């Protein structure tokens, strides 16, 4: 069942609290934040990865979008994170980029890029260390799965 409503006195508040809520409004400035993040990745990162340059570029673009999205989720209040105050810093992003770069640099040419390992490091170590709520960690996991797969 899908219900959309404005705040009305006749609409039962308890029913609304028990429902799953969804927001279809696009966050503002995602593109600008992702571009800013992408520009912080130096050209040396791309040239250092030889045959994996294309895969590295795709993963970095995904990381830029992920970082921009999770930083903008707070503007949606309870639709974003269950509690406010999560600060995902530029340092989290730069550490993730560096770790992914080292991981790819050390891969042999016949190996695939380990997207599951990258996803785990990003969600549970780099960004997840800030998250204190289990539901928010699950939320972060699902959002990251969209970008890093």
Foldseek 3Di string as FASTA:
>chain_A
DDDDDDDDPPDDPVVVVPDDDADDDDFPCLVVQLVVLLVVDDVCLLVLLPPCSVVLSLLSSLLSSLVSVLVRLCVVPCNRAVDDDQDQDSVLSVVLNVVLSVQSSPDDPVDDRPLVVSLCCSLVPRRVVSDDDPVNSVVSSVSSVVRRD
